[in-house]
Amino acid sequence: MNKVKYFTKEISYIKDESKRRDIEYLINLLPDYFFTIPASSTGKYHPKFASTNNGLVKHTKVAVRIAYDLFETVNNFSDNDKDLIIMALIMHDGLKKGIEEEKYTRFDHPLLVSKLIMENVKNLEMDIEDVRKMCTLIESHMGKWNTNKYSKVELPVPNNELERFVHRCDYLASRNYLNVRFIKLDIE
């Protein structure tokens, strides 16, 4: 499976060439199931387009596109921060059902993704500060929904504008009223 091809457009939004190579490396670490499952097993928390085959990929693409479009209105982010936001959004749900596909969504999936990235940090070109920053963006993407009655894990909440921005993009991409049209797996 050519995993990188799923995110060719989103990778093109990243300005730093070395970060493009890094995200391609990280995408290749994601389990195959990520590229085929719906974004939500129940369909309650995502729009119709995300409840289909490849739904999690579609949700991810919409979250990245929202960020990319909002960059036009938010001028206080550096190019480096924008690159890290895009990278974090591509990866944020990458282990939604665990390393090996489990039956249910793993509530701690943001921490699993962060751990996977940190375990592979030696294979990345980014400096450790950028890797850590990207990981905090991923870890806090659930926002105020950072606890779960079925889990003892408490996820971090967004503490700065970058973290809040990533959370908002993910949140907006999950709204049921969205009707994003796709041609195959590309946003129309």
C-alpha atoms as a PDB file:
ATOM      1  CA  MET A   1       0.000   0.000   0.000  1.00  0.00           C
ATOM      2  CA  ASN A   2       1.329   3.418  -0.959  1.00  0.00           C
ATOM      3  CA  LYS A   3       0.230   5.294   2.152  1.00  0.00           C
ATOM      4  CA  VAL A   4       1.826   8.621   1.207  1.00  0.00           C
ATOM      5  CA  LYS A   5      -0.305   8.949  -1.947  1.00  0.00           C
ATOM      6  CA  TYR A   6      -3.384   9.393   0.245  1.00  0.00           C
ATOM      7  CA  PHE A   7      -2.011  12.728   1.470  1.00  0.00           C
ATOM      8  CA  THR A   8      -0.178  14.142  -1.552  1.00  0.00           C
ATOM      9  CA  LYS A   9      -2.207  17.374  -1.529  1.00  0.00           C
ATOM     10  CA  GLU A  10      -1.876  17.879   2.231  1.00  0.00           C
ATOM     11  CA  ILE A  11       1.872  17.244   2.138  1.00  0.00           C
ATOM     12  CA  SER A  12       2.162  19.913  -0.572  1.00  0.00           C
ATOM     13  CA  TYR A  13       0.917  22.490   1.972  1.00  0.00           C
ATOM     14  CA  ILE A  14       4.082  21.944   4.053  1.00  0.00           C
ATOM     15  CA  LYS A  15       6.694  24.496   3.066  1.00  0.00           C
ATOM     16  CA  ASP A  16       9.813  22.961   4.617  1.00  0.00           C
ATOM     17  CA  GLU A  17      11.157  20.214   2.372  1.00  0.00           C
ATOM     18  CA  SER A  18      12.698  18.270   5.261  1.00  0.00           C
ATOM     19  CA  LYS A  19       9.365  18.314   7.105  1.00  0.00           C
ATOM     20  CA  ARG A  20       7.729  16.911   3.970  1.00  0.00           C
ATOM     21  CA  ARG A  21      10.172  14.012   4.110  1.00  0.00           C
ATOM     22  CA  ASP A  22       9.478  13.597   7.832  1.00  0.00           C
ATOM     23  CA  ILE A  23       5.695  13.454   7.399  1.00  0.00           C
ATOM     24  CA  GLU A  24       6.061  10.931   4.603  1.00  0.00           C
ATOM     25  CA  TYR A  25       8.149   8.778   6.938  1.00  0.00           C
ATOM     26  CA  LEU A  26       5.550   9.141   9.707  1.00  0.00           C
ATOM     27  CA  ILE A  27       2.590   8.386   7.413  1.00  0.00           C
ATOM     28  CA  ASN A  28       4.305   5.150   6.446  1.00  0.00           C
ATOM     29  CA  LEU A  29       4.328   4.134  10.120  1.00  0.00           C
ATOM     30  CA  LEU A  30       0.534   4.250  10.319  1.00  0.00           C
ATOM     31  CA  PRO A  31      -1.317   0.927  10.297  1.00  0.00           C
ATOM     32  CA  ASP A  32      -3.126  -0.114   7.127  1.00  0.00           C
ATOM     33  CA  TYR A  33      -6.543   0.021   8.806  1.00  0.00           C
ATOM     34  CA  PHE A  34      -6.247   3.821   9.195  1.00  0.00           C
ATOM     35  CA  PHE A  35      -6.617   4.194   5.441  1.00  0.00           C
ATOM     36  CA  THR A  36      -9.823   2.170   5.159  1.00  0.00           C
ATOM     37  CA  ILE A  37     -11.998   2.621   8.276  1.00  0.00           C
ATOM     38  CA  PRO A  38     -14.733   5.213   8.869  1.00  0.00           C
ATOM     39  CA  ALA A  39     -13.891   8.119  11.176  1.00  0.00           C
ATOM     40  CA  SER A  40     -16.499   6.990  13.709  1.00  0.00           C
ATOM     41  CA  SER A  41     -17.745   3.481  14.330  1.00  0.00           C
ATOM     42  CA  THR A  42     -21.168   4.782  15.387  1.00  0.00           C
ATOM     43  CA  GLY A  43     -21.504   7.629  12.877  1.00  0.00           C
ATOM     44  CA  LYS A  44     -22.697   9.930  15.694  1.00  0.00           C
ATOM     45  CA  TYR A  45     -19.670  12.199  15.801  1.00  0.00           C
ATOM     46  CA  HIS A  46     -18.756  12.771  12.159  1.00  0.00           C
ATOM     47  CA  PRO A  47     -20.513  13.850   8.955  1.00  0.00           C
ATOM     48  CA  LYS A  48     -21.792  11.363   6.370  1.00  0.00           C
ATOM     49  CA  PHE A  49     -18.691  11.552   4.164  1.00  0.00           C
ATOM     50  CA  ALA A  50     -16.592  10.362   7.109  1.00  0.00           C
ATOM     51  CA  SER A  51     -18.789   7.365   7.872  1.00  0.00           C
ATOM     52  CA  THR A  52     -17.831   5.598   4.664  1.00  0.00           C
ATOM     53  CA  ASN A  53     -14.854   3.542   3.618  1.00  0.00           C
ATOM     54  CA  ASN A  54     -11.752   5.755   3.914  1.00  0.00           C
ATOM     55  CA  GLY A  55     -13.773   7.970   6.250  1.00  0.00           C
ATOM     56  CA  LEU A  56     -10.910   8.559   8.664  1.00  0.00           C
ATOM     57  CA  VAL A  57      -8.694   9.674   5.774  1.00  0.00           C
ATOM     58  CA  LYS A  58     -11.461  12.013   4.588  1.00  0.00           C
ATOM     59  CA  HIS A  59     -11.918  13.449   8.094  1.00  0.00           C
ATOM     60  CA  THR A  60      -8.158  14.028   8.294  1.00  0.00           C
ATOM     61  CA  LYS A  61      -8.089  15.731   4.900  1.00  0.00           C
ATOM     62  CA  VAL A  62     -10.950  18.040   5.910  1.00  0.00           C
ATOM     63  CA  ALA A  63      -9.217  18.966   9.190  1.00  0.00           C
ATOM     64  CA  VAL A  64      -6.039  19.838   7.276  1.00  0.00           C
ATOM     65  CA  ARG A  65      -7.988  21.806   4.676  1.00  0.00           C
ATOM     66  CA  ILE A  66      -9.753  23.804   7.384  1.00  0.00           C
ATOM     67  CA  ALA A  67      -6.366  24.663   8.893  1.00  0.00           C
ATOM     68  CA  TYR A  68      -4.912  25.588   5.515  1.00  0.00           C
ATOM     69  CA  ASP A  69      -7.867  27.851   4.703  1.00  0.00           C
ATOM     70  CA  LEU A  70      -7.812  29.458   8.162  1.00  0.00           C
ATOM     71  CA  PHE A  71      -4.127  30.298   7.757  1.00  0.00           C
ATOM     72  CA  GLU A  72      -5.383  33.019   5.395  1.00  0.00           C
ATOM     73  CA  THR A  73      -7.128  34.683   8.335  1.00  0.00           C
ATOM     74  CA  VAL A  74      -4.574  33.941  11.075  1.00  0.00           C
ATOM     75  CA  ASN A  75      -1.370  35.844  10.508  1.00  0.00           C
ATOM     76  CA  ASN A  76       0.412  35.233  13.793  1.00  0.00           C
ATOM     77  CA  PHE A  77       1.672  31.710  12.971  1.00  0.00           C
ATOM     78  CA  SER A  78       5.144  31.287  11.527  1.00  0.00           C
ATOM     79  CA  ASP A  79       5.660  29.049   8.500  1.00  0.00           C
ATOM     80  CA  ASN A  80       7.287  26.543  10.850  1.00  0.00           C
ATOM     81  CA  ASP A  81       4.215  26.522  13.092  1.00  0.00           C
ATOM     82  CA  LYS A  82       1.923  26.105  10.094  1.00  0.00           C
ATOM     83  CA  ASP A  83       3.974  23.124   8.935  1.00  0.00           C
ATOM     84  CA  LEU A  84       3.770  21.547  12.396  1.00  0.00           C
ATOM     85  CA  ILE A  85      -0.002  22.119  12.533  1.00  0.00           C
ATOM     86  CA  ILE A  86      -0.496  20.375   9.198  1.00  0.00           C
ATOM     87  CA  MET A  87       1.762  17.511  10.249  1.00  0.00           C
ATOM     88  CA  ALA A  88      -0.069  17.141  13.572  1.00  0.00           C
ATOM     89  CA  LEU A  89      -3.457  17.097  11.855  1.00  0.00           C
ATOM     90  CA  ILE A  90      -2.326  14.448   9.382  1.00  0.00           C
ATOM     91  CA  MET A  91      -1.169  12.265  12.267  1.00  0.00           C
ATOM     92  CA  HIS A  92      -3.718  13.113  15.004  1.00  0.00           C
ATOM     93  CA  ASP A  93      -6.012  10.083  14.562  1.00  0.00           C
ATOM     94  CA  GLY A  94      -3.391   7.783  13.066  1.00  0.00           C
ATOM     95  CA  LEU A  95      -3.741   5.152  15.788  1.00  0.00           C
ATOM     96  CA  LYS A  96      -7.433   5.619  16.509  1.00  0.00           C
ATOM     97  CA  LYS A  97      -7.929   1.877  17.028  1.00  0.00           C
ATOM     98  CA  GLY A  98      -4.477   1.169  18.436  1.00  0.00           C
ATOM     99  CA  ILE A  99      -1.223  -0.052  16.910  1.00  0.00           C
ATOM    100  CA  GLU A 100      -2.945  -3.264  15.871  1.00  0.00           C
ATOM    101  CA  GLU A 101      -6.587  -2.680  14.961  1.00  0.00           C
ATOM    102  CA  GLU A 102      -8.804  -3.162  17.980  1.00  0.00           C
ATOM    103  CA  LYS A 103     -12.590  -3.377  17.979  1.00  0.00           C
ATOM    104  CA  TYR A 104     -13.169   0.009  19.601  1.00  0.00           C
ATOM    105  CA  THR A 105     -11.601   3.449  19.399  1.00  0.00           C
ATOM    106  CA  ARG A 106      -8.716   3.850  21.814  1.00  0.00           C
ATOM    107  CA  PHE A 107      -9.411   6.895  23.964  1.00  0.00           C
ATOM    108  CA  ASP A 108      -5.658   7.291  24.460  1.00  0.00           C
ATOM    109  CA  HIS A 109      -4.984   7.328  20.703  1.00  0.00           C
ATOM    110  CA  PRO A 110      -3.423  10.834  20.811  1.00  0.00           C
ATOM    111  CA  LEU A 111      -0.847   9.558  23.310  1.00  0.00           C
ATOM    112  CA  LEU A 112      -0.225   6.439  21.222  1.00  0.00           C
ATOM    113  CA  VAL A 113       0.525   8.574  18.156  1.00  0.00           C
ATOM    114  CA  SER A 114       2.835  10.820  20.166  1.00  0.00           C
ATOM    115  CA  LYS A 115       4.658   7.782  21.549  1.00  0.00           C
ATOM    116  CA  LEU A 116       5.053   6.300  18.053  1.00  0.00           C
ATOM    117  CA  ILE A 117       6.584   9.553  16.819  1.00  0.00           C
ATOM    118  CA  MET A 118       8.958   9.812  19.778  1.00  0.00           C
ATOM    119  CA  GLU A 119      10.042   6.191  19.300  1.00  0.00           C
ATOM    120  CA  ASN A 120      11.041   7.112  15.748  1.00  0.00           C
ATOM    121  CA  VAL A 121      12.541  10.541  16.437  1.00  0.00           C
ATOM    122  CA  LYS A 122      16.033   9.372  15.415  1.00  0.00           C
ATOM    123  CA  ASN A 123      14.703   8.806  11.886  1.00  0.00           C
ATOM    124  CA  LEU A 124      13.378  12.352  11.543  1.00  0.00           C
ATOM    125  CA  GLU A 125      15.208  15.423  10.304  1.00  0.00           C
ATOM    126  CA  MET A 126      13.283  17.801  12.583  1.00  0.00           C
ATOM    127  CA  ASP A 127      14.935  19.042  15.728  1.00  0.00           C
ATOM    128  CA  ILE A 128      13.614  17.651  18.980  1.00  0.00           C
ATOM    129  CA  GLU A 129      11.853  20.906  19.938  1.00  0.00           C
ATOM    130  CA  ASP A 130       9.720  20.760  16.793  1.00  0.00           C
ATOM    131  CA  VAL A 131       8.998  17.070  17.312  1.00  0.00           C
ATOM    132  CA  ARG A 132       7.873  17.745  20.884  1.00  0.00           C
ATOM    133  CA  LYS A 133       5.745  20.691  19.768  1.00  0.00           C
ATOM    134  CA  MET A 134       4.050  18.559  17.112  1.00  0.00           C
ATOM    135  CA  CYS A 135       3.408  15.849  19.704  1.00  0.00           C
ATOM    136  CA  THR A 136       1.750  18.301  22.109  1.00  0.00           C
ATOM    137  CA  LEU A 137      -0.513  19.448  19.268  1.00  0.00           C
ATOM    138  CA  ILE A 138      -1.557  15.835  18.722  1.00  0.00           C
ATOM    139  CA  GLU A 139      -1.881  14.949  22.414  1.00  0.00           C
ATOM    140  CA  SER A 140      -4.247  17.865  23.133  1.00  0.00           C
ATOM    141  CA  HIS A 141      -6.384  17.657  19.978  1.00  0.00           C
ATOM    142  CA  MET A 142      -9.410  16.289  21.877  1.00  0.00           C
ATOM    143  CA  GLY A 143      -9.819  19.603  23.700  1.00  0.00           C
ATOM    144  CA  LYS A 144     -12.224  19.618  26.626  1.00  0.00           C
ATOM    145  CA  TRP A 145     -13.218  16.015  25.845  1.00  0.00           C
ATOM    146  CA  ASN A 146     -10.071  14.845  27.605  1.00  0.00           C
ATOM    147  CA  THR A 147     -11.627  12.266  29.917  1.00  0.00           C
ATOM    148  CA  ASN A 148     -13.694   9.161  29.346  1.00  0.00           C
ATOM    149  CA  LYS A 149     -15.664   7.042  31.793  1.00  0.00           C
ATOM    150  CA  TYR A 150     -14.142   3.878  30.287  1.00  0.00           C
ATOM    151  CA  SER A 151     -10.533   5.025  30.594  1.00  0.00           C
ATOM    152  CA  LYS A 152      -8.287   6.059  33.447  1.00  0.00           C
ATOM    153  CA  VAL A 153      -6.262   8.185  31.034  1.00  0.00           C
ATOM    154  CA  GLU A 154      -6.651  11.957  31.142  1.00  0.00           C
ATOM    155  CA  LEU A 155      -5.496  13.669  27.979  1.00  0.00           C
ATOM    156  CA  PRO A 156      -3.872  17.095  28.038  1.00  0.00           C
ATOM    157  CA  VAL A 157      -6.091  20.045  27.158  1.00  0.00           C
ATOM    158  CA  PRO A 158      -4.915  22.739  24.754  1.00  0.00           C
ATOM    159  CA  ASN A 159      -2.754  25.276  26.600  1.00  0.00           C
ATOM    160  CA  ASN A 160      -1.689  27.673  23.843  1.00  0.00           C
ATOM    161  CA  GLU A 161      -3.002  29.124  20.606  1.00  0.00           C
ATOM    162  CA  LEU A 162      -1.376  26.459  18.395  1.00  0.00           C
ATOM    163  CA  GLU A 163      -2.919  23.648  20.425  1.00  0.00           C
ATOM    164  CA  ARG A 164      -6.315  25.369  20.447  1.00  0.00           C
ATOM    165  CA  PHE A 165      -6.085  25.884  16.671  1.00  0.00           C
ATOM    166  CA  VAL A 166      -5.440  22.176  16.024  1.00  0.00           C
ATOM    167  CA  HIS A 167      -8.318  21.234  18.321  1.00  0.00           C
ATOM    168  CA  ARG A 168     -10.673  23.647  16.534  1.00  0.00           C
ATOM    169  CA  CYS A 169      -9.745  22.293  13.097  1.00  0.00           C
ATOM    170  CA  ASP A 170     -10.396  18.718  14.256  1.00  0.00           C
ATOM    171  CA  TYR A 171     -13.623  19.770  15.949  1.00  0.00           C
ATOM    172  CA  LEU A 172     -14.942  21.587  12.868  1.00  0.00           C
ATOM    173  CA  ALA A 173     -14.028  18.634  10.631  1.00  0.00           C
ATOM    174  CA  SER A 174     -16.226  16.401  12.793  1.00  0.00           C
ATOM    175  CA  ARG A 175     -19.425  18.497  12.607  1.00  0.00           C
ATOM    176  CA  ASN A 176     -22.390  16.550  11.236  1.00  0.00           C
ATOM    177  CA  TYR A 177     -23.641  19.506   9.198  1.00  0.00           C
ATOM    178  CA  LEU A 178     -20.578  19.478   6.942  1.00  0.00           C
ATOM    179  CA  ASN A 179     -21.188  18.292   3.426  1.00  0.00           C
ATOM    180  CA  VAL A 180     -17.747  18.166   1.853  1.00  0.00           C
ATOM    181  CA  ARG A 181     -17.735  16.666  -1.620  1.00  0.00           C
ATOM    182  CA  PHE A 182     -14.963  14.328  -2.623  1.00  0.00           C
ATOM    183  CA  ILE A 183     -13.804  13.113  -5.995  1.00  0.00           C
ATOM    184  CA  LYS A 184     -12.365   9.776  -5.004  1.00  0.00           C
ATOM    185  CA  LEU A 185     -10.300  10.863  -2.001  1.00  0.00           C
ATOM    186  CA  ASP A 186      -9.668  14.475  -2.993  1.00  0.00           C
ATOM    187  CA  ILE A 187     -11.759  17.377  -1.746  1.00  0.00           C
ATOM    188  CA  GLU A 188     -13.653  18.760  -4.720  1.00  0.00           C
END
